[in-house]
Amino acid sequence: MTNPNYSTGEKGDTCSSIMSYITGVSGDVFPYDSRIFGSDWDAVENPTTNYFTISGRVNEIYDLIHVSDSTKRPVFEMSSDRVSVAFNDD
């Protein structure tokens, strides 16, 4: 919150209320954890990335999910900076 009409305490209280609501409706699942580093996700992301990029069946997989004629290169990305930029412009 950048509104100068709110004090630092009010900003903190508002943030805390939002996080409490998210945690409550999610069944006490904390929505983010700053202790998780990129390398922690490698074991989760790498098999998926490898499956869609370097497996011996990439062409077959692309045919099955109807992206074999995609002009996007690379066809698969776990996330895309270009998409992020496009959304940020909206």
Protein backbone atom coordinates (compact mmCIF):
# COMPACT_ATOMS: atom_id res chain seq x y z
CA MET A 1 0.00 0.00 0.00
CA THR A 2 1.52 3.26 -1.09
CA ASN A 3 -1.32 5.53 -0.02
CA PRO A 4 0.22 8.21 2.23
CA ASN A 5 -3.10 8.56 4.07
CA TYR A 6 -2.46 5.27 5.87
CA SER A 7 0.05 4.90 8.66
CA THR A 8 2.65 2.16 8.68
CA GLY A 9 0.65 0.40 11.38
CA GLU A 10 -2.55 0.56 9.34
CA LYS A 11 -0.74 -0.82 6.32
CA GLY A 12 0.63 -3.68 8.40
CA ASP A 13 -2.78 -4.40 9.90
CA THR A 14 -4.38 -4.45 6.45
CA CYS A 15 -1.73 -6.83 5.12
CA SER A 16 -2.08 -9.03 8.16
CA SER A 17 -5.85 -9.18 7.74
CA ILE A 18 -5.51 -10.18 4.11
CA MET A 19 -2.98 -12.91 4.92
CA SER A 20 -5.16 -14.17 7.77
CA TYR A 21 -8.13 -14.41 5.43
CA ILE A 22 -6.10 -16.31 2.80
CA THR A 23 -4.72 -18.67 5.42
CA GLY A 24 -8.21 -19.23 6.87
CA VAL A 25 -9.99 -20.03 3.62
CA SER A 26 -7.15 -22.27 2.46
CA GLY A 27 -7.37 -24.52 5.50
CA ASP A 28 -4.33 -23.06 7.24
CA VAL A 29 -2.05 -23.43 4.23
CA PHE A 30 0.43 -20.60 4.36
CA PRO A 31 0.32 -19.00 0.89
CA TYR A 32 4.04 -18.46 0.54
CA ASP A 33 7.17 -19.35 2.40
CA SER A 34 10.31 -17.26 2.07
CA ARG A 35 12.38 -20.25 3.11
CA ILE A 36 11.74 -21.94 -0.24
CA PHE A 37 14.51 -21.27 -2.74
CA GLY A 38 14.60 -21.85 -6.48
CA SER A 39 16.83 -24.87 -6.03
CA ASP A 40 14.14 -26.47 -3.84
CA TRP A 41 11.81 -26.50 -6.86
CA ASP A 42 14.35 -28.11 -9.20
CA ALA A 43 13.31 -31.59 -8.10
CA VAL A 44 9.69 -30.70 -8.88
CA GLU A 45 10.15 -28.70 -12.09
CA ASN A 46 13.01 -30.53 -13.79
CA PRO A 47 11.12 -33.77 -14.55
CA THR A 48 8.28 -31.80 -16.12
CA THR A 49 10.61 -29.55 -18.09
CA ASN A 50 12.64 -32.53 -19.26
CA TYR A 51 9.50 -34.44 -20.28
CA PHE A 52 8.32 -31.60 -22.50
CA THR A 53 11.72 -30.59 -23.89
CA ILE A 54 14.27 -33.40 -24.07
CA SER A 55 12.46 -36.70 -23.70
CA GLY A 56 12.68 -39.11 -26.63
CA ARG A 57 8.94 -38.62 -27.19
CA VAL A 58 8.78 -34.81 -27.47
CA ASN A 59 7.29 -34.81 -30.98
CA GLU A 60 4.68 -37.41 -30.02
CA ILE A 61 3.81 -35.47 -26.85
CA TYR A 62 3.40 -32.23 -28.82
CA ASP A 63 1.14 -34.04 -31.29
CA LEU A 64 -0.99 -35.45 -28.47
CA ILE A 65 -1.49 -32.07 -26.82
CA HIS A 66 -2.03 -30.32 -30.15
CA VAL A 67 0.95 -27.96 -30.09
CA SER A 68 3.14 -29.62 -32.70
CA ASP A 69 2.50 -26.78 -35.15
CA SER A 70 3.22 -24.06 -32.60
CA THR A 71 5.35 -21.17 -33.83
CA LYS A 72 6.42 -20.42 -30.25
CA ARG A 73 10.03 -21.31 -29.50
CA PRO A 74 10.64 -22.97 -27.22
CA VAL A 75 7.25 -24.67 -27.41
CA PHE A 76 7.32 -25.46 -23.67
CA GLU A 77 8.49 -23.17 -20.87
CA MET A 78 7.69 -23.61 -17.19
CA SER A 79 7.09 -19.86 -17.13
CA SER A 80 7.46 -17.15 -19.71
CA ASP A 81 8.92 -13.69 -19.28
CA ARG A 82 7.25 -12.64 -22.54
CA VAL A 83 3.81 -13.60 -21.20
CA SER A 84 4.52 -11.80 -17.95
CA VAL A 85 5.48 -8.64 -19.82
CA ALA A 86 2.34 -8.88 -21.95
CA PHE A 87 0.13 -9.14 -18.86
CA ASN A 88 1.93 -6.31 -17.08
CA ASP A 89 1.12 -3.97 -19.96
CA ASP A 90 -2.62 -4.47 -19.45
